[in-house]
Each structure stands twice: as structure tokens, then as C-alpha cells.
Amino acid sequence: MKVETKGHTTTIKDTQGDLTCFLMKLTHEFKTFEKHNLIVDISKYNNLNIKDIKTFSALSTTHKKAKKSFVIVANEIDFNEVPAKMTVVPTILEAHDIIEMEEIERDLGF
């Protein structure tokens, strides 16, 4: 797991190649990241499906309740099938853009 923090955002990238182990490790170390906006980069997986994305749902919900952004970066999935309560984008740049917009919305009280 590679962790990079810039300002109020932490990017976490899987380096092991096992999505289940990555999710377990991320869940176990969640308290470390709970005060930051999170970008979870799983774009290296080419055979992801919506079921795989949904495994991050509990973490996403918990993080968003704490008024922090939780964005997943994934490639080659049908973004129309992603649940509305989750944020999934195809690139790191778009993830940063989403977090910036959500920060502005929180500052404005939306």
C-alpha cells in the first residue's frame, strides 16, 4: 500500500495486487486516514466489476458521514452502474477535482 498525503487529501494506492487484502488493510488502518479526504486508487486492476467497487461502500459511507470526501479511481468499469452514494472516477486528476468541489460545497454549507 502506497500512501501519499498532499494538504487535506491522502491518496492510497494498492501495491500488492490483491483487492481483498487491500480492502482489509485499508479498513484496519482507517483511523489513520479519517481526518483526510481519501482517494483510493485501484486503477491498476483491469478486470474490476461493480461488485468489487461496492466492497468499498461501508468505508465510503463512514468517511462521508465524517464530512470528508472518499473517491475511488478505477478503470474499465461501467460508471452508470456505480451506486449514487459512491464516487468513482477514471483518473487521479478527476478525483482531485471532485474533492475540491466537495470541499467548496461543505464550506458553503450544502
C-alpha atoms as a PDB file:
ATOM      1  CA  MET A   1       0.000   0.000   0.000  1.00  0.00           C
ATOM      2  CA  LYS A   2       1.458   3.323  -1.098  1.00  0.00           C
ATOM      3  CA  VAL A   3       0.250   6.384   0.828  1.00  0.00           C
ATOM      4  CA  GLU A   4       0.804   9.961  -0.325  1.00  0.00           C
ATOM      5  CA  THR A   5      -0.568  12.993   1.503  1.00  0.00           C
ATOM      6  CA  LYS A   6      -0.851  16.460  -0.032  1.00  0.00           C
ATOM      7  CA  GLY A   7      -2.605  19.088   2.057  1.00  0.00           C
ATOM      8  CA  HIS A   8      -6.024  17.812   3.084  1.00  0.00           C
ATOM      9  CA  THR A   9      -6.023  14.815   0.725  1.00  0.00           C
ATOM     10  CA  THR A  10      -4.460  11.370   1.070  1.00  0.00           C
ATOM     11  CA  THR A  11      -4.026   9.103  -1.948  1.00  0.00           C
ATOM     12  CA  ILE A  12      -3.804   5.381  -1.225  1.00  0.00           C
ATOM     13  CA  LYS A  13      -2.667   3.003  -3.943  1.00  0.00           C
ATOM     14  CA  ASP A  14      -2.630  -0.780  -3.813  1.00  0.00           C
ATOM     15  CA  THR A  15       0.814  -2.222  -4.470  1.00  0.00           C
ATOM     16  CA  GLN A  16       0.147  -5.889  -3.671  1.00  0.00           C
ATOM     17  CA  GLY A  17      -2.306  -6.832  -6.397  1.00  0.00           C
ATOM     18  CA  ASP A  18      -4.901  -8.412  -4.097  1.00  0.00           C
ATOM     19  CA  LEU A  19      -8.041  -6.274  -3.816  1.00  0.00           C
ATOM     20  CA  THR A  20      -9.462  -8.172  -0.826  1.00  0.00           C
ATOM     21  CA  CYS A  21      -6.253  -7.829   1.202  1.00  0.00           C
ATOM     22  CA  PHE A  22      -6.000  -4.172   0.216  1.00  0.00           C
ATOM     23  CA  LEU A  23      -9.551  -3.501   1.430  1.00  0.00           C
ATOM     24  CA  MET A  24      -8.886  -5.318   4.719  1.00  0.00           C
ATOM     25  CA  LYS A  25      -5.675  -3.355   5.300  1.00  0.00           C
ATOM     26  CA  LEU A  26      -7.394  -0.073   4.414  1.00  0.00           C
ATOM     27  CA  THR A  27     -10.262  -0.861   6.796  1.00  0.00           C
ATOM     28  CA  HIS A  28      -7.818  -1.825   9.555  1.00  0.00           C
ATOM     29  CA  GLU A  29      -5.824   1.409   9.175  1.00  0.00           C
ATOM     30  CA  PHE A  30      -8.851   3.638   8.591  1.00  0.00           C
ATOM     31  CA  LYS A  31      -8.351   5.653  11.806  1.00  0.00           C
ATOM     32  CA  THR A  32      -5.018   6.852  10.393  1.00  0.00           C
ATOM     33  CA  PHE A  33      -6.754   8.445   7.395  1.00  0.00           C
ATOM     34  CA  GLU A  34     -10.113   9.509   8.841  1.00  0.00           C
ATOM     35  CA  LYS A  35      -9.225  13.210   9.100  1.00  0.00           C
ATOM     36  CA  HIS A  36      -8.256  13.490   5.414  1.00  0.00           C
ATOM     37  CA  ASN A  37     -10.130  13.332   2.130  1.00  0.00           C
ATOM     38  CA  LEU A  38      -9.305   9.965   0.581  1.00  0.00           C
ATOM     39  CA  ILE A  39      -8.509   8.904  -2.947  1.00  0.00           C
ATOM     40  CA  VAL A  40      -8.372   5.118  -3.256  1.00  0.00           C
ATOM     41  CA  ASP A  41      -6.526   4.255  -6.451  1.00  0.00           C
ATOM     42  CA  ILE A  42      -7.407   0.789  -7.727  1.00  0.00           C
ATOM     43  CA  SER A  43      -6.887   1.693 -11.381  1.00  0.00           C
ATOM     44  CA  LYS A  44      -4.226  -0.984 -11.837  1.00  0.00           C
ATOM     45  CA  TYR A  45      -6.946  -3.658 -11.790  1.00  0.00           C
ATOM     46  CA  ASN A  46      -8.208  -4.269 -15.320  1.00  0.00           C
ATOM     47  CA  ASN A  47     -10.912  -6.808 -14.504  1.00  0.00           C
ATOM     48  CA  LEU A  48     -12.947  -4.904 -11.903  1.00  0.00           C
ATOM     49  CA  ASN A  49     -16.698  -5.159 -11.771  1.00  0.00           C
ATOM     50  CA  ILE A  50     -19.366  -3.257  -9.840  1.00  0.00           C
ATOM     51  CA  LYS A  51     -19.363  -5.894  -7.099  1.00  0.00           C
ATOM     52  CA  ASP A  52     -15.681  -5.118  -6.442  1.00  0.00           C
ATOM     53  CA  ILE A  53     -16.431  -1.389  -6.260  1.00  0.00           C
ATOM     54  CA  LYS A  54     -19.334  -1.975  -3.868  1.00  0.00           C
ATOM     55  CA  THR A  55     -16.993  -3.677  -1.374  1.00  0.00           C
ATOM     56  CA  PHE A  56     -15.735  -0.162  -0.553  1.00  0.00           C
ATOM     57  CA  SER A  57     -19.271   1.058   0.191  1.00  0.00           C
ATOM     58  CA  ALA A  58     -19.053   0.796   4.004  1.00  0.00           C
ATOM     59  CA  LEU A  59     -15.784   2.757   4.104  1.00  0.00           C
ATOM     60  CA  SER A  60     -17.196   5.363   1.747  1.00  0.00           C
ATOM     61  CA  THR A  61     -20.327   5.833   3.848  1.00  0.00           C
ATOM     62  CA  THR A  62     -18.380   6.118   7.104  1.00  0.00           C
ATOM     63  CA  HIS A  63     -15.969   8.621   5.618  1.00  0.00           C
ATOM     64  CA  LYS A  64     -18.684  10.783   4.088  1.00  0.00           C
ATOM     65  CA  LYS A  65     -20.603  10.871   7.377  1.00  0.00           C
ATOM     66  CA  ALA A  66     -17.492  12.473   8.868  1.00  0.00           C
ATOM     67  CA  LYS A  67     -17.814  15.199   6.192  1.00  0.00           C
ATOM     68  CA  LYS A  68     -14.764  14.052   4.242  1.00  0.00           C
ATOM     69  CA  SER A  69     -14.544  13.001   0.597  1.00  0.00           C
ATOM     70  CA  PHE A  70     -13.986   9.384  -0.438  1.00  0.00           C
ATOM     71  CA  VAL A  71     -13.198   8.912  -4.135  1.00  0.00           C
ATOM     72  CA  ILE A  72     -12.284   5.670  -5.889  1.00  0.00           C
ATOM     73  CA  VAL A  73     -10.179   5.741  -9.051  1.00  0.00           C
ATOM     74  CA  ALA A  74     -10.982   2.780 -11.304  1.00  0.00           C
ATOM     75  CA  ASN A  75     -10.654   1.999 -14.993  1.00  0.00           C
ATOM     76  CA  GLU A  76     -12.745  -0.013 -17.407  1.00  0.00           C
ATOM     77  CA  ILE A  77     -15.993  -0.192 -15.437  1.00  0.00           C
ATOM     78  CA  ASP A  78     -19.472   0.928 -16.342  1.00  0.00           C
ATOM     79  CA  PHE A  79     -19.752   4.170 -14.384  1.00  0.00           C
ATOM     80  CA  ASN A  80     -23.529   4.165 -14.929  1.00  0.00           C
ATOM     81  CA  GLU A  81     -23.800   1.092 -12.680  1.00  0.00           C
ATOM     82  CA  VAL A  82     -21.977   2.694  -9.742  1.00  0.00           C
ATOM     83  CA  PRO A  83     -24.328   3.409  -6.804  1.00  0.00           C
ATOM     84  CA  ALA A  84     -25.183   7.101  -6.442  1.00  0.00           C
ATOM     85  CA  LYS A  85     -23.835   7.211  -2.887  1.00  0.00           C
ATOM     86  CA  MET A  86     -20.331   6.305  -4.094  1.00  0.00           C
ATOM     87  CA  THR A  87     -17.909   8.457  -6.068  1.00  0.00           C
ATOM     88  CA  VAL A  88     -15.880   6.633  -8.720  1.00  0.00           C
ATOM     89  CA  VAL A  89     -13.816   8.380 -11.401  1.00  0.00           C
ATOM     90  CA  PRO A  90     -11.385   7.184 -14.087  1.00  0.00           C
ATOM     91  CA  THR A  91      -8.347   9.385 -13.223  1.00  0.00           C
ATOM     92  CA  ILE A  92      -6.481  10.826 -10.244  1.00  0.00           C
ATOM     93  CA  LEU A  93      -6.912  14.335 -11.675  1.00  0.00           C
ATOM     94  CA  GLU A  94     -10.698  13.945 -11.708  1.00  0.00           C
ATOM     95  CA  ALA A  95     -10.567  12.633  -8.139  1.00  0.00           C
ATOM     96  CA  HIS A  96      -8.766  15.801  -7.025  1.00  0.00           C
ATOM     97  CA  ASP A  97     -11.326  17.916  -8.899  1.00  0.00           C
ATOM     98  CA  ILE A  98     -14.235  16.131  -7.191  1.00  0.00           C
ATOM     99  CA  ILE A  99     -12.653  16.622  -3.769  1.00  0.00           C
ATOM    100  CA  GLU A 100     -12.116  20.310  -4.483  1.00  0.00           C
ATOM    101  CA  MET A 101     -15.774  20.718  -5.483  1.00  0.00           C
ATOM    102  CA  GLU A 102     -16.986  18.817  -2.402  1.00  0.00           C
ATOM    103  CA  GLU A 103     -14.771  20.983  -0.160  1.00  0.00           C
ATOM    104  CA  ILE A 104     -16.354  24.107  -1.645  1.00  0.00           C
ATOM    105  CA  GLU A 105     -19.852  22.655  -1.127  1.00  0.00           C
ATOM    106  CA  ARG A 106     -19.053  21.874   2.520  1.00  0.00           C
ATOM    107  CA  ASP A 107     -17.645  25.383   3.043  1.00  0.00           C
ATOM    108  CA  LEU A 108     -20.863  26.840   1.610  1.00  0.00           C
ATOM    109  CA  GLY A 109     -22.993  24.617   3.831  1.00  0.00           C
ATOM    110  CA  PHE A 110     -24.506  22.289   1.202  1.00  0.00           C
END
